[in-house]
Amino acid sequence: MSPEPSPAAATRGGTDVIHNIGYRKYDGPRLGRSYARRSLFVHSLRGTYGLGRAAKSKVLPMILFAVMCLPALIMVASAVYAGADELPVDYTAYATFLLPVTSIFVAAVAPQVVSLDLRFKTVPLYFSRPIERSDYVAAKFGALIASLIVFTGTPVLILYVGALLGKLDFADQTLGLGQGLVFTVVFALLYGGIAVSLAALTPRRGFGVAAVIAVLTIPYMLVGALQGIAQQQGESDLTTWIGLGSPGTLLDGFQDSVLGGSSNFPGGHQVTGAEGIVYALVIAVLIAGSYALLLRRYRKAGL
């Protein structure tokens, strides 16, 4: 004996109905990997300054950016008012002059670039699209570097514009600007590379911030102390080689030897000749190594 039809089936007259609810496949343009990589880069770069995010996300980066630019404005105003023949600080030395501010900024934004994707497990979603792991790494690495170039390069441009308004020599200031921008790029590559590779090791943003601050500041202070001891003991030649022990002193020696600046080493010790070549090579190795470590991190299974 067959079961009696339900009331709903009886209402339909005993036949099933398939309703067209409007689903259709995407038939627009396929923009591919380059578009995805570029979009990820722009999104990550905006995120470092809190753009497109809640208002509280903008507070710290914007305050630090203002703190970074304010001394440049004061220096320019003082030089113009006093009719000085040169700026009080070299273009190449400005970033190291405000190294604590830069360290705080990069420590705050590096986890923003990579740690949140790991914490909320959105990385597999990126890799489910036409984007390779190398594309993801290039976009994230490039976004942090670009963010640091903006952060350290803007005050250099302020110094240059102020110098021209103060009637300082155009050729000298333009040469100084070029050297300052080169140093800005090298600075961003080294500090940004180290910071993003450390931040990618943990999904915890707080741990990432602590690790970046520790690596960028503790060796710098330790190396500075050791350089001071070497200078007091009359071993000034050791000052240069001790300077290879931290990113900050590496950059200080690099701008001294390669870009014609002046270092903050104890006793005004200059980095010249073969020493400068060693500094440049160590910086290149650290930048390449940071990128390689980041690539290896995102090749791990389970992301």
Protein backbone atom coordinates (compact mmCIF):
# COMPACT_ATOMS: atom_id res chain seq x y z
CA MET A 1 0.00 0.00 0.00
CA SER A 2 1.61 3.33 -1.06
CA PRO A 3 1.85 6.19 1.42
CA GLU A 4 -0.53 9.08 1.03
CA PRO A 5 0.96 12.26 -0.50
CA SER A 6 1.74 15.16 1.80
CA PRO A 7 -0.52 18.24 1.71
CA ALA A 8 2.27 20.24 0.02
CA ALA A 9 2.63 17.62 -2.69
CA ALA A 10 -1.12 17.54 -3.19
CA THR A 11 -1.15 21.29 -3.59
CA ARG A 12 1.51 21.04 -6.34
CA GLY A 13 -0.58 18.51 -8.16
CA GLY A 14 1.88 15.69 -7.50
CA THR A 15 4.78 17.20 -9.49
CA ASP A 16 8.08 18.71 -8.22
CA VAL A 17 9.07 22.23 -9.31
CA ILE A 18 12.59 23.65 -9.78
CA HIS A 19 12.69 27.39 -9.23
CA ASN A 20 15.20 29.64 -11.01
CA ILE A 21 16.52 31.90 -8.21
CA GLY A 22 18.95 33.85 -10.35
CA TYR A 23 22.35 32.20 -9.80
CA ARG A 24 24.70 32.54 -12.74
CA LYS A 25 28.38 32.11 -13.32
CA TYR A 26 30.82 35.03 -13.48
CA ASP A 27 31.43 36.02 -17.09
CA GLY A 28 33.49 39.19 -16.52
CA PRO A 29 37.20 39.73 -17.21
CA ARG A 30 39.75 37.48 -15.50
CA LEU A 31 42.40 39.89 -14.19
CA GLY A 32 44.91 37.24 -13.12
CA ARG A 33 47.85 37.10 -10.72
CA SER A 34 49.31 40.54 -11.38
CA TYR A 35 46.05 42.26 -10.46
CA ALA A 36 45.67 40.13 -7.33
CA ARG A 37 49.26 40.84 -6.30
CA ARG A 38 48.84 44.57 -6.90
CA SER A 39 45.56 44.69 -5.00
CA LEU A 40 47.10 42.86 -2.04
CA PHE A 41 50.04 45.28 -2.07
CA VAL A 42 47.79 48.36 -2.04
CA HIS A 43 45.52 46.90 0.64
CA SER A 44 48.49 46.05 2.87
CA LEU A 45 50.14 49.44 2.33
CA ARG A 46 46.95 51.29 3.26
CA GLY A 47 46.62 49.10 6.34
CA THR A 48 50.01 50.17 7.70
CA TYR A 49 48.64 53.69 8.16
CA GLY A 50 45.17 52.53 9.21
CA LEU A 51 43.52 53.70 6.00
CA GLY A 52 40.28 51.88 5.33
CA ARG A 53 40.17 50.69 8.93
CA ALA A 54 38.63 51.94 12.17
CA ALA A 55 39.67 55.34 13.49
CA LYS A 56 41.67 53.83 16.37
CA SER A 57 43.87 51.99 13.85
CA LYS A 58 45.01 55.34 12.45
CA VAL A 59 46.02 56.91 15.76
CA LEU A 60 49.44 55.38 16.39
CA PRO A 61 50.86 55.44 12.83
CA MET A 62 49.67 58.99 12.23
CA ILE A 63 51.08 60.23 15.55
CA LEU A 64 54.43 58.59 14.81
CA PHE A 65 54.42 60.05 11.30
CA ALA A 66 53.82 63.52 12.74
CA VAL A 67 56.62 63.00 15.30
CA MET A 68 58.92 61.93 12.45
CA CYS A 69 58.18 65.04 10.38
CA LEU A 70 58.07 67.65 13.16
CA PRO A 71 61.85 67.88 13.77
CA ALA A 72 62.41 68.39 10.04
CA LEU A 73 60.00 71.32 10.05
CA ILE A 74 61.71 72.81 13.12
CA MET A 75 65.18 72.40 11.56
CA VAL A 76 64.05 74.05 8.34
CA ALA A 77 62.41 76.95 10.17
CA SER A 78 65.52 77.49 12.31
CA ALA A 79 67.87 77.37 9.32
CA VAL A 80 65.76 79.83 7.32
CA TYR A 81 65.31 82.20 10.26
CA ALA A 82 69.01 82.16 11.16
CA GLY A 83 70.17 82.39 7.55
CA ALA A 84 72.34 79.27 7.96
CA ASP A 85 74.56 78.01 5.15
CA GLU A 86 73.63 74.35 5.75
CA LEU A 87 71.04 72.23 7.48
CA PRO A 88 71.77 71.06 11.04
CA VAL A 89 71.55 67.38 10.01
CA ASP A 90 72.54 65.51 6.85
CA TYR A 91 69.85 64.04 4.66
CA THR A 92 71.38 60.61 5.10
CA ALA A 93 71.48 60.90 8.89
CA TYR A 94 67.88 61.93 9.55
CA ALA A 95 66.44 58.41 9.76
CA THR A 96 69.13 57.27 12.20
CA PHE A 97 68.72 60.55 14.13
CA LEU A 98 65.13 59.45 14.90
CA LEU A 99 65.84 55.74 15.04
CA PRO A 100 63.68 55.07 18.14
CA VAL A 101 60.62 56.53 16.40
CA THR A 102 61.26 54.49 13.27
CA SER A 103 61.77 51.32 15.31
CA ILE A 104 58.45 51.79 17.10
CA PHE A 105 56.67 52.40 13.80
CA VAL A 106 58.04 49.33 12.05
CA ALA A 107 57.39 47.18 15.12
CA ALA A 108 53.78 48.35 15.21
CA VAL A 109 52.95 47.93 11.53
CA ALA A 110 54.89 44.77 10.59
CA PRO A 111 52.50 42.48 12.53
CA GLN A 112 49.62 44.40 10.98
CA VAL A 113 50.88 43.36 7.56
CA VAL A 114 51.28 39.61 8.15
CA SER A 115 50.28 38.43 11.65
CA LEU A 116 46.55 39.11 11.33
CA ASP A 117 46.27 36.89 8.24
CA LEU A 118 47.90 34.09 10.20
CA ARG A 119 45.82 34.66 13.31
CA PHE A 120 42.45 34.67 11.52
CA LYS A 121 43.56 31.92 9.10
CA THR A 122 42.83 33.92 5.95
CA VAL A 123 46.09 32.92 4.23
CA PRO A 124 44.57 29.77 2.66
CA LEU A 125 41.86 31.96 1.13
CA TYR A 126 44.50 33.97 -0.70
CA PHE A 127 46.14 30.81 -2.00
CA SER A 128 42.79 29.44 -3.23
CA ARG A 129 42.81 32.21 -5.85
CA PRO A 130 45.16 32.57 -8.85
CA ILE A 131 47.99 33.81 -6.64
CA GLU A 132 51.15 31.96 -5.70
CA ARG A 133 52.88 32.03 -2.33
CA SER A 134 55.69 34.04 -3.90
CA ASP A 135 53.11 36.65 -5.00
CA TYR A 136 51.77 36.92 -1.46
CA VAL A 137 55.28 37.32 -0.02
CA ALA A 138 56.26 39.92 -2.64
CA ALA A 139 53.10 41.96 -1.98
CA LYS A 140 53.47 41.91 1.80
CA PHE A 141 57.21 42.55 1.75
CA GLY A 142 56.82 45.38 -0.76
CA ALA A 143 53.97 46.97 1.20
CA LEU A 144 56.01 47.27 4.38
CA ILE A 145 59.03 48.57 2.47
CA ALA A 146 56.91 51.20 0.70
CA SER A 147 55.36 52.19 4.02
CA LEU A 148 58.81 52.76 5.54
CA ILE A 149 59.99 54.70 2.49
CA VAL A 150 57.06 57.07 2.93
CA PHE A 151 57.69 57.29 6.67
CA THR A 152 61.41 58.11 6.42
CA GLY A 153 61.44 59.80 3.02
CA THR A 154 58.81 62.48 3.70
CA PRO A 155 60.93 64.37 6.28
CA VAL A 156 63.88 64.24 3.89
CA LEU A 157 61.74 65.95 1.24
CA ILE A 158 60.66 68.51 3.84
CA LEU A 159 64.31 69.27 4.57
CA TYR A 160 65.03 69.68 0.86
CA VAL A 161 62.10 72.02 0.18
CA GLY A 162 62.99 74.07 3.24
CA ALA A 163 66.63 74.28 2.15
CA LEU A 164 65.62 75.63 -1.23
CA LEU A 165 63.27 78.14 0.38
CA GLY A 166 66.19 79.21 2.57
CA LYS A 167 68.29 79.92 -0.55
CA LEU A 168 70.83 77.19 0.17
CA ASP A 169 72.98 76.00 -2.71
CA PHE A 170 70.77 74.11 -5.17
CA ALA A 171 73.42 71.67 -6.44
CA ASP A 172 74.60 70.70 -2.96
CA GLN A 173 71.07 70.24 -1.66
CA THR A 174 69.98 68.21 -4.69
CA LEU A 175 72.99 65.91 -4.30
CA GLY A 176 72.20 65.55 -0.61
CA LEU A 177 68.58 64.76 -1.42
CA GLY A 178 69.62 62.00 -3.82
CA GLN A 179 71.91 60.47 -1.21
CA GLY A 180 69.18 60.77 1.41
CA LEU A 181 66.63 58.99 -0.79
CA VAL A 182 69.09 56.18 -1.54
CA PHE A 183 69.67 55.75 2.17
CA THR A 184 65.91 55.82 2.77
CA VAL A 185 65.43 52.87 0.39
CA VAL A 186 68.30 50.86 1.94
CA PHE A 187 67.01 51.66 5.42
CA ALA A 188 63.48 50.50 4.51
CA LEU A 189 64.75 47.29 2.90
CA LEU A 190 66.86 46.32 5.91
CA TYR A 191 64.52 47.33 8.72
CA GLY A 192 61.38 46.30 6.89
CA GLY A 193 62.84 42.97 5.82
CA ILE A 194 63.92 42.05 9.34
CA ALA A 195 60.63 43.21 10.86
CA VAL A 196 58.29 41.40 8.47
CA SER A 197 60.24 38.14 8.63
CA LEU A 198 60.05 38.21 12.44
CA ALA A 199 56.37 39.17 12.52
CA ALA A 200 55.48 36.28 10.19
CA LEU A 201 56.78 33.76 12.72
CA THR A 202 53.81 34.20 15.05
CA PRO A 203 50.07 34.87 14.65
CA ARG A 204 50.12 36.83 17.91
CA ARG A 205 50.49 40.50 17.19
CA GLY A 206 51.88 41.30 20.63
CA PHE A 207 54.61 38.69 20.29
CA GLY A 208 55.49 40.07 16.86
CA VAL A 209 55.78 43.62 18.20
CA ALA A 210 57.98 42.48 21.09
CA ALA A 211 60.25 40.41 18.82
CA VAL A 212 60.78 43.26 16.36
CA ILE A 213 61.53 45.81 19.09
CA ALA A 214 63.93 43.42 20.79
CA VAL A 215 65.90 42.61 17.62
CA LEU A 216 66.10 46.22 16.44
CA THR A 217 66.86 47.97 19.74
CA ILE A 218 68.70 45.63 22.12
CA PRO A 219 71.63 44.88 19.75
CA TYR A 220 71.82 48.59 18.87
CA MET A 221 72.24 49.60 22.52
CA LEU A 222 74.65 46.75 23.22
CA VAL A 223 76.82 47.58 20.21
CA GLY A 224 76.84 51.25 21.17
CA ALA A 225 78.07 50.35 24.65
CA LEU A 226 80.77 48.05 23.30
CA GLN A 227 81.92 50.73 20.86
CA GLY A 228 82.21 53.21 23.71
CA ILE A 229 84.29 50.76 25.73
CA ALA A 230 86.57 50.09 22.75
CA GLN A 231 87.05 53.82 22.22
CA GLN A 232 87.93 54.35 25.88
CA GLN A 233 90.44 51.49 25.74
CA GLY A 234 92.17 53.08 22.75
CA GLU A 235 90.97 50.37 20.36
CA SER A 236 89.29 52.70 17.91
CA ASP A 237 89.82 50.30 15.00
CA LEU A 238 87.53 47.80 16.72
CA THR A 239 84.73 50.36 16.71
CA THR A 240 84.03 49.73 13.03
CA TRP A 241 83.89 45.95 13.28
CA ILE A 242 81.73 46.04 16.40
CA GLY A 243 79.31 48.19 14.39
CA LEU A 244 78.50 45.16 12.24
CA GLY A 245 76.55 43.73 15.17
CA SER A 246 73.27 45.63 14.84
CA PRO A 247 71.03 46.91 12.01
CA GLY A 248 71.14 50.49 13.29
CA THR A 249 74.93 50.75 13.43
CA LEU A 250 75.21 48.92 10.11
CA LEU A 251 73.13 51.63 8.45
CA ASP A 252 75.03 54.36 10.27
CA GLY A 253 78.34 53.04 8.97
CA PHE A 254 76.90 52.52 5.48
CA GLN A 255 75.74 56.11 5.10
CA ASP A 256 79.10 57.28 6.44
CA SER A 257 81.25 55.24 4.06
CA VAL A 258 79.12 54.98 0.90
CA LEU A 259 76.93 58.08 0.92
CA GLY A 260 79.33 60.64 2.34
CA GLY A 261 77.50 61.23 5.61
CA SER A 262 78.89 61.28 9.12
CA SER A 263 78.41 58.44 11.60
CA ASN A 264 77.46 58.64 15.25
CA PHE A 265 80.23 56.25 16.25
CA PRO A 266 82.16 57.18 19.42
CA GLY A 267 84.99 59.61 18.82
CA GLY A 268 83.61 60.51 15.39
CA HIS A 269 85.23 57.38 13.94
CA GLN A 270 84.85 57.18 10.16
CA VAL A 271 84.03 54.03 8.16
CA THR A 272 86.09 54.04 4.97
CA GLY A 273 87.60 51.81 2.28
CA ALA A 274 87.27 48.06 2.70
CA GLU A 275 85.25 48.56 5.88
CA GLY A 276 82.51 50.30 3.90
CA ILE A 277 82.42 47.45 1.37
CA VAL A 278 81.97 44.95 4.20
CA TYR A 279 79.12 47.02 5.62
CA ALA A 280 77.37 47.10 2.23
CA LEU A 281 77.79 43.35 1.76
CA VAL A 282 76.44 42.52 5.21
CA ILE A 283 73.40 44.73 4.59
CA ALA A 284 72.76 43.02 1.24
CA VAL A 285 73.04 39.57 2.84
CA LEU A 286 70.60 40.52 5.62
CA ILE A 287 68.04 41.89 3.15
CA ALA A 288 68.26 38.82 0.90
CA GLY A 289 68.19 36.51 3.91
CA SER A 290 65.07 38.19 5.33
CA TYR A 291 63.23 37.74 2.05
CA ALA A 292 64.36 34.12 1.77
CA LEU A 293 63.16 33.38 5.31
CA LEU A 294 59.79 34.93 4.52
CA LEU A 295 59.45 32.77 1.41
CA ARG A 296 60.33 29.67 3.42
CA ARG A 297 57.81 30.58 6.10
CA TYR A 298 54.96 30.62 3.60
CA ARG A 299 56.00 27.37 1.96
CA LYS A 300 55.21 25.49 5.16
CA ALA A 301 52.24 23.16 5.06
CA GLY A 302 49.16 24.00 7.09
CA LEU A 303 48.97 27.71 6.38
